[in-house]
Amino acid sequence: MGAPPFKLVLLGDSSVGKTSLVHRFTTEEFDPYTSNTIGAAFITKEYHSSTNPDKKVKFEIWDTAGQERYRSLTPMYYRNAKMALICYDLSNIPESFEKSKFWIDQLRINDTSSDSSEIKIRVVGTKGDLLPNKPTPRESLEAGTETSTEEDATNEELDAVNTYCLESNIPHFITSAKLGQGISELFTSIIDEIDESFWDLYNQNQLEQERIAKNGQSFGTIDFLNARFKKTETSKSCCS
């Protein structure tokens, strides 16, 4: 059978790297010349969990524009989405992450679904390759160096992001579209969190469609959009 569709939306301000993240995920390539998205772009990709190859979905990805003039359209794109990736720029953490909270608030304000079907959130730091280089303790000892003021400031800023995500029970991931880092871990974590009922309902739907089609009848579809995610007690952070 085919893979069940799974609607996912990327939210965040303009130029934080949403399109580059999607492009790297769908093509396994990095394009340094991506232009700003107008309105929204729609991309699909079938993907299976690296930890469980039997779990496979067809991601239906909406890459939304971050410019303020398009914000009135954004709720249309995340309606019925199962997952939202809230992106912020790691090269400008304080300002970019503070702006990303707007999107988290908007999702919570506009989400009218039940607890079992509410849209799930991941906070995603992009452009991880632009973080200050941090030597390992051994390298620091051998070179006789200490962490720089810039590195210390970045660590404090990331600590603040991690604290917010932990208190909000939102997983936090650091990625680099340029280097291809953290992206497979991000999307695998999404699949691994989906409850088995999601696939059970989809397979039931497919079998019913095949049965009815053989009898020459018209058929509808079973609504499996409300399939539950697995319950998680604590947020996990993938920041290394």
Protein backbone atom coordinates (compact mmCIF):
# COMPACT_ATOMS: atom_id res chain seq x y z
CA MET A 1 0.00 0.00 0.00
CA GLY A 2 0.99 3.60 -0.46
CA ALA A 3 2.04 5.91 2.34
CA PRO A 4 -0.64 7.86 4.22
CA PRO A 5 -0.61 11.65 3.70
CA PHE A 6 0.63 13.77 6.59
CA LYS A 7 0.14 17.53 6.39
CA LEU A 8 3.00 19.61 7.76
CA VAL A 9 3.48 23.39 7.70
CA LEU A 10 6.59 25.54 8.14
CA LEU A 11 6.14 28.89 9.87
CA GLY A 12 8.61 31.64 10.61
CA ASP A 13 9.73 35.07 9.54
CA SER A 14 11.12 35.82 6.10
CA SER A 15 14.69 34.67 5.36
CA VAL A 16 15.05 32.37 8.38
CA GLY A 17 15.74 29.43 6.06
CA LYS A 18 12.43 27.56 5.79
CA THR A 19 12.70 26.99 2.04
CA SER A 20 16.32 25.85 2.28
CA LEU A 21 15.33 23.37 4.98
CA VAL A 22 12.54 21.92 2.81
CA HIS A 23 14.76 21.86 -0.27
CA ARG A 24 17.50 19.95 1.57
CA PHE A 25 14.94 17.47 2.97
CA THR A 26 13.19 16.80 -0.35
CA THR A 27 16.20 16.83 -2.70
CA GLU A 28 19.16 16.15 -0.37
CA GLU A 29 20.83 19.17 -1.93
CA PHE A 30 21.58 22.71 -0.78
CA ASP A 31 20.68 25.68 -2.96
CA PRO A 32 22.34 28.91 -1.77
CA TYR A 33 20.21 30.97 -4.16
CA THR A 34 16.69 30.24 -2.93
CA SER A 35 14.34 33.21 -3.25
CA ASN A 36 11.67 34.36 -0.82
CA THR A 37 8.46 32.35 -0.95
CA ILE A 38 5.40 34.19 -2.26
CA GLY A 39 2.25 33.09 -0.47
CA ALA A 40 3.17 29.45 0.05
CA ALA A 41 4.85 26.56 -1.74
CA PHE A 42 3.58 22.97 -1.67
CA ILE A 43 5.95 20.00 -1.78
CA THR A 44 5.48 16.29 -1.11
CA LYS A 45 7.93 13.60 -0.11
CA GLU A 46 7.50 10.00 0.98
CA TYR A 47 9.70 9.27 3.96
CA HIS A 48 10.16 6.40 6.37
CA SER A 49 11.55 6.36 9.87
CA SER A 50 15.26 5.58 10.03
CA THR A 51 14.58 3.72 13.27
CA ASN A 52 11.57 1.78 11.93
CA PRO A 53 11.47 1.34 8.11
CA ASP A 54 7.90 -0.02 8.31
CA LYS A 55 6.68 3.42 9.34
CA LYS A 56 6.25 5.53 6.22
CA VAL A 57 4.26 8.67 5.43
CA LYS A 58 3.80 11.02 2.52
CA PHE A 59 4.67 14.43 3.91
CA GLU A 60 2.50 17.16 2.39
CA ILE A 61 4.61 20.20 3.19
CA TRP A 62 3.37 23.78 3.09
CA ASP A 63 6.29 26.23 3.08
CA THR A 64 4.67 29.54 4.00
CA ALA A 65 5.88 33.05 3.26
CA GLY A 66 7.24 34.91 6.26
CA GLN A 67 6.54 38.44 5.09
CA GLU A 68 4.00 40.29 7.22
CA ARG A 69 1.76 41.08 4.24
CA TYR A 70 0.99 37.37 3.84
CA ARG A 71 0.14 36.68 7.48
CA SER A 72 -3.61 36.92 6.93
CA LEU A 73 -3.35 33.94 4.56
CA THR A 74 -1.27 31.73 6.84
CA PRO A 75 -4.13 30.16 8.87
CA MET A 76 -5.49 28.75 5.62
CA TYR A 77 -2.27 26.78 5.13
CA TYR A 78 -2.01 25.28 8.60
CA ARG A 79 -5.69 24.29 8.83
CA ASN A 80 -5.89 20.51 9.41
CA ALA A 81 -2.10 20.26 9.61
CA LYS A 82 -0.77 17.63 11.99
CA MET A 83 2.60 19.27 12.61
CA ALA A 84 4.05 22.79 12.49
CA LEU A 85 7.75 23.53 12.31
CA ILE A 86 8.42 26.94 13.84
CA CYS A 87 11.73 28.10 12.37
CA TYR A 88 14.15 30.68 13.69
CA ASP A 89 17.61 31.84 12.57
CA LEU A 90 20.53 30.63 14.70
CA SER A 91 22.73 33.44 13.39
CA ASN A 92 20.41 35.94 15.09
CA ILE A 93 18.96 34.01 18.02
CA PRO A 94 17.52 36.66 20.36
CA GLU A 95 15.57 38.61 17.74
CA SER A 96 14.64 35.69 15.49
CA PHE A 97 13.48 33.38 18.27
CA GLU A 98 11.48 36.14 19.93
CA LYS A 99 9.66 36.67 16.62
CA SER A 100 9.06 32.93 16.26
CA LYS A 101 6.94 33.00 19.43
CA PHE A 102 4.34 34.94 17.43
CA TRP A 103 3.70 31.84 15.34
CA ILE A 104 3.43 29.59 18.38
CA ASP A 105 0.88 31.97 19.89
CA GLN A 106 -1.07 32.11 16.61
CA LEU A 107 -1.28 28.33 16.42
CA ARG A 108 -2.60 28.10 19.96
CA ILE A 109 -5.11 30.91 19.40
CA ASN A 110 -6.47 29.52 16.14
CA ASP A 111 -6.32 25.80 16.89
CA THR A 112 -9.90 24.71 17.62
CA SER A 113 -9.22 20.97 17.45
CA SER A 114 -9.61 18.55 20.32
CA ASP A 115 -6.65 17.51 22.47
CA SER A 116 -6.27 14.31 20.45
CA SER A 117 -5.95 16.09 17.11
CA GLU A 118 -4.34 19.42 18.00
CA ILE A 119 -1.48 20.50 15.81
CA LYS A 120 1.89 19.47 17.23
CA ILE A 121 4.86 21.84 17.24
CA ARG A 122 8.60 21.58 16.74
CA VAL A 123 10.88 24.58 17.24
CA VAL A 124 13.63 24.40 14.62
CA GLY A 125 16.82 26.43 14.67
CA THR A 126 18.14 26.87 11.13
CA LYS A 127 21.58 27.83 9.76
CA GLY A 128 23.39 25.84 12.41
CA ASP A 129 26.56 26.13 10.32
CA LEU A 130 26.68 29.82 11.28
CA LEU A 131 26.98 29.12 15.00
CA PRO A 132 30.38 30.06 16.44
CA ASN A 133 32.83 27.16 16.30
CA LYS A 134 33.19 25.62 19.72
CA PRO A 135 36.41 23.60 20.31
CA THR A 136 36.20 20.39 22.28
CA PRO A 137 37.65 20.46 25.83
CA ARG A 138 40.75 18.58 24.59
CA GLU A 139 41.28 21.06 21.74
CA SER A 140 40.90 23.96 24.15
CA LEU A 141 43.43 22.43 26.56
CA GLU A 142 46.00 21.68 23.85
CA ALA A 143 45.63 25.12 22.29
CA GLY A 144 45.52 26.87 25.64
CA THR A 145 42.35 28.70 24.58
CA GLU A 146 39.09 29.49 26.30
CA THR A 147 35.65 29.96 24.85
CA SER A 148 35.18 33.35 23.23
CA THR A 149 32.75 36.01 24.35
CA GLU A 150 30.72 35.34 21.21
CA GLU A 151 30.51 31.63 22.01
CA ASP A 152 29.52 32.31 25.60
CA ALA A 153 26.77 34.67 24.45
CA THR A 154 25.48 32.10 21.96
CA ASN A 155 25.42 29.40 24.62
CA GLU A 156 23.37 31.65 26.89
CA GLU A 157 20.96 32.42 24.06
CA LEU A 158 20.52 28.72 23.25
CA ASP A 159 20.00 27.97 26.93
CA ALA A 160 17.15 30.48 26.93
CA VAL A 161 15.57 28.80 23.90
CA ASN A 162 15.94 25.37 25.48
CA THR A 163 14.37 26.59 28.71
CA TYR A 164 11.39 28.05 26.87
CA CYS A 165 10.87 24.87 24.85
CA LEU A 166 11.20 22.65 27.92
CA GLU A 167 8.68 24.71 29.88
CA SER A 168 6.32 24.72 26.88
CA ASN A 169 6.82 20.99 26.23
CA ILE A 170 7.95 21.69 22.66
CA PRO A 171 10.83 19.66 21.16
CA HIS A 172 13.73 21.79 19.91
CA PHE A 173 16.00 20.87 17.02
CA ILE A 174 19.09 22.50 15.55
CA THR A 175 19.60 22.04 11.81
CA SER A 176 21.81 23.14 8.95
CA ALA A 177 20.45 22.94 5.41
CA LYS A 178 23.92 23.76 4.10
CA LEU A 179 25.59 20.86 5.90
CA GLY A 180 22.55 18.58 5.96
CA GLN A 181 22.72 18.27 9.74
CA GLY A 182 19.80 17.50 12.03
CA ILE A 183 17.23 17.23 9.25
CA SER A 184 16.75 13.46 9.08
CA GLU A 185 16.60 13.39 12.89
CA LEU A 186 13.88 16.05 12.81
CA PHE A 187 11.61 14.25 10.35
CA THR A 188 12.26 10.82 11.84
CA SER A 189 11.19 12.16 15.23
CA ILE A 190 7.90 13.27 13.70
CA ILE A 191 7.14 9.82 12.30
CA ASP A 192 8.21 8.07 15.49
CA GLU A 193 5.76 10.16 17.52
CA ILE A 194 2.73 9.17 15.43
CA ASP A 195 0.47 6.62 17.07
CA GLU A 196 -0.11 3.26 15.36
CA SER A 197 -3.78 4.16 14.87
CA PHE A 198 -2.73 6.55 12.10
CA TRP A 199 -1.51 3.67 9.92
CA ASP A 200 -4.30 1.33 11.04
CA LEU A 201 -6.99 3.76 9.90
CA TYR A 202 -5.22 4.44 6.62
CA ASN A 203 -4.83 0.74 5.83
CA GLN A 204 -8.48 0.18 6.74
CA ASN A 205 -9.45 2.96 4.37
CA GLN A 206 -7.37 1.55 1.52
CA LEU A 207 -8.78 -1.95 1.92
CA GLU A 208 -12.33 -0.61 1.98
CA GLN A 209 -11.73 1.41 -1.18
CA GLU A 210 -10.33 -1.65 -2.95
CA ARG A 211 -13.29 -3.77 -1.86
CA ILE A 212 -15.87 -1.23 -3.00
CA ALA A 213 -14.05 -0.55 -6.28
CA LYS A 214 -14.16 -4.25 -7.14
CA ASN A 215 -17.93 -4.15 -6.72
CA GLY A 216 -18.21 -1.17 -9.07
CA GLN A 217 -19.45 1.17 -6.36
CA SER A 218 -18.46 4.72 -5.56
CA PHE A 219 -16.66 5.22 -2.28
CA GLY A 220 -15.68 7.86 0.20
CA THR A 221 -12.77 7.99 2.56
CA ILE A 222 -12.35 7.31 6.23
CA ASP A 223 -11.25 10.35 8.18
CA PHE A 224 -7.93 9.51 9.80
CA LEU A 225 -6.82 13.11 10.30
CA ASN A 226 -7.67 12.81 13.98
CA ALA A 227 -5.40 9.84 14.61
CA ARG A 228 -3.59 10.43 17.86
CA PHE A 229 0.05 11.12 18.48
CA LYS A 230 1.78 9.11 21.13
CA LYS A 231 1.62 10.80 24.51
CA THR A 232 4.90 12.37 25.55
CA GLU A 233 5.50 13.40 29.13
CA THR A 234 8.47 15.65 28.56
CA SER A 235 9.99 17.65 25.76
CA LYS A 236 13.17 16.40 24.18
CA SER A 237 15.86 18.60 22.73
CA CYS A 238 18.21 17.70 19.92
CA CYS A 239 20.71 20.48 20.10
CA SER A 240 24.09 18.83 19.74
